Protein backbone atom coordinates (compact mmCIF):
# COMPACT_ATOMS: atom_id res chain seq x y z
CA MET A 1 -19.12 11.96 22.47
CA PRO A 2 -22.15 12.71 20.45
CA SER A 3 -22.98 11.23 16.92
CA PHE A 4 -24.15 13.13 13.47
CA LYS A 5 -26.37 11.83 11.35
CA ILE A 6 -24.93 12.17 7.79
CA ASP A 7 -27.77 11.87 4.86
CA VAL A 8 -26.79 10.50 1.61
CA SER A 9 -29.95 10.09 -0.15
CA THR A 10 -29.09 12.09 -2.87
CA ALA A 11 -25.32 10.56 -3.02
CA ILE A 12 -24.14 7.85 -5.31
CA VAL A 13 -22.20 5.12 -3.29
CA PHE A 14 -20.26 2.22 -4.53
CA VAL A 15 -17.46 -0.01 -3.10
CA ALA A 16 -14.41 1.15 -3.25
CA THR A 17 -12.85 -1.46 -0.27
CA ALA A 18 -14.29 -4.93 0.66
CA PRO A 19 -15.84 -5.71 4.20
CA GLU A 20 -12.41 -7.06 6.77
CA PRO A 21 -12.64 -7.70 10.46
CA LYS A 22 -12.40 -4.59 12.23
CA MET A 23 -9.45 -4.95 15.30
CA VAL A 24 -9.00 -3.71 18.69
CA ASN A 25 -5.64 -5.44 18.81
CA LYS A 26 -3.57 -6.60 15.78
CA LYS A 27 -0.94 -8.27 17.62
CA THR A 28 -3.32 -10.58 19.52
CA GLY A 29 -6.39 -10.85 16.58
CA GLU A 30 -8.66 -9.64 19.28
CA ARG A 31 -11.50 -8.42 17.10
CA ALA A 32 -13.90 -5.53 17.68
CA VAL A 33 -17.56 -6.41 18.56
CA ASP A 34 -20.55 -4.29 18.62
CA ARG A 35 -21.10 -2.65 22.08
CA ASP A 36 -25.25 -3.50 21.40
CA ASN A 37 -24.90 -6.86 20.34
CA PRO A 38 -21.42 -8.09 21.70
CA ALA A 39 -21.78 -11.67 19.91
CA VAL A 40 -21.61 -9.17 16.43
CA GLY A 41 -18.22 -8.38 15.47
CA LEU A 42 -17.95 -5.23 13.34
CA SER A 43 -16.01 -5.01 9.83
CA THR A 44 -14.80 -2.19 8.23
CA VAL A 45 -15.92 -0.78 4.57
CA GLY A 46 -14.15 1.48 2.12
CA LEU A 47 -17.06 3.33 0.97
CA LEU A 48 -16.48 6.24 -2.60
CA VAL A 49 -19.88 9.14 -1.67
CA SER A 50 -19.68 11.35 -4.41
CA ASP A 51 -22.45 14.05 -3.78
CA GLU A 52 -22.72 17.51 -5.09
CA GLY A 53 -19.55 17.31 -7.91
CA GLU A 54 -17.72 16.12 -4.95
CA GLY A 55 -16.62 13.05 -4.08
CA ASN A 56 -14.78 11.96 -1.16
CA LEU A 57 -13.79 7.88 0.58
CA TYR A 58 -15.07 6.72 3.51
CA GLN A 59 -13.76 3.81 6.03
CA VAL A 60 -17.30 2.77 7.60
CA THR A 61 -17.86 0.39 10.04
CA VAL A 62 -20.88 -1.94 9.52
CA PRO A 63 -21.98 -4.76 12.20
CA GLU A 64 -20.98 -8.33 10.26
CA THR A 65 -24.91 -8.71 10.37
CA GLY A 66 -25.57 -5.43 8.28
CA TYR A 67 -24.09 -6.91 4.37
CA PRO A 68 -24.57 -8.80 2.53
CA GLU A 69 -22.21 -11.86 1.33
CA GLY A 70 -19.86 -11.03 -1.66
CA LEU A 71 -19.52 -7.24 -1.95
CA THR A 72 -17.33 -5.90 -3.52
CA PRO A 73 -15.32 -2.92 -4.60
CA GLY A 74 -17.25 -1.12 -7.20
CA THR A 75 -20.96 -2.62 -6.28
CA PRO A 76 -23.55 0.33 -5.79
CA VAL A 77 -24.75 0.30 -2.83
CA LYS A 78 -27.23 2.17 0.07
CA VAL A 79 -26.45 2.99 2.94
CA ILE A 80 -28.56 3.01 5.88
CA GLY A 81 -28.16 5.00 9.19
CA LEU A 82 -24.52 6.52 8.37
CA LYS A 83 -23.59 8.52 11.64
CA ALA A 84 -20.26 10.21 12.28
CA ARG A 85 -18.85 10.95 15.88
CA ASP A 86 -15.19 12.43 16.87
CA TRP A 87 -12.84 10.89 18.74
CA GLU A 88 -9.10 11.46 20.70
CA ASN A 89 -6.77 10.05 21.82
CA GLU A 90 -3.71 10.09 23.14
CA PHE A 91 -1.04 6.96 21.93
CA ASN A 92 2.97 7.55 23.21
CA GLY A 93 2.39 10.68 24.22
CA GLN A 94 0.68 12.53 21.18
CA LYS A 95 -2.62 13.28 21.10
CA ARG A 96 -4.82 12.27 18.25
CA HIS A 97 -8.18 13.25 16.99
CA GLY A 98 -10.36 12.59 13.96
CA ILE A 99 -13.46 11.52 12.70
CA SER A 100 -15.24 7.63 12.70
CA PHE A 101 -18.31 6.56 10.40
CA ARG A 102 -20.52 3.95 11.57
CA ALA A 103 -23.23 2.69 9.82
CA VAL A 104 -26.68 0.09 10.69
CA ALA A 105 -26.27 -1.22 7.36
CA ILE A 106 -25.08 -1.55 3.57
CA THR A 107 -26.55 -2.52 1.24
CA ALA A 108 -26.76 -3.38 -2.74
CA VAL A 109 -28.36 -1.81 -5.36
CA ALA A 110 -30.30 -3.93 -8.00
């Protein structure tokens, strides 16, 4: 499915939840890895994005090499290469759908 660039250049962005490993299977402990570089694990970071009077919380997937150590809630950040992609799957006979978010990197703002 195609992905779409999201412009957050005018937004104020804060970390809402610290990075956590993204899991493929929580029961087996299998971690999700980057398709382009399978040696790099993926993490999920909660970001609060505020722009034009609206604020939204997004769970964003980022390669573990794409964010600094010690990223904590409340830290102002810059998001690089944010994209959105719609998805659909079937689980236990029920169709589910949504939008996933992925960034190339997240850097702390001084």
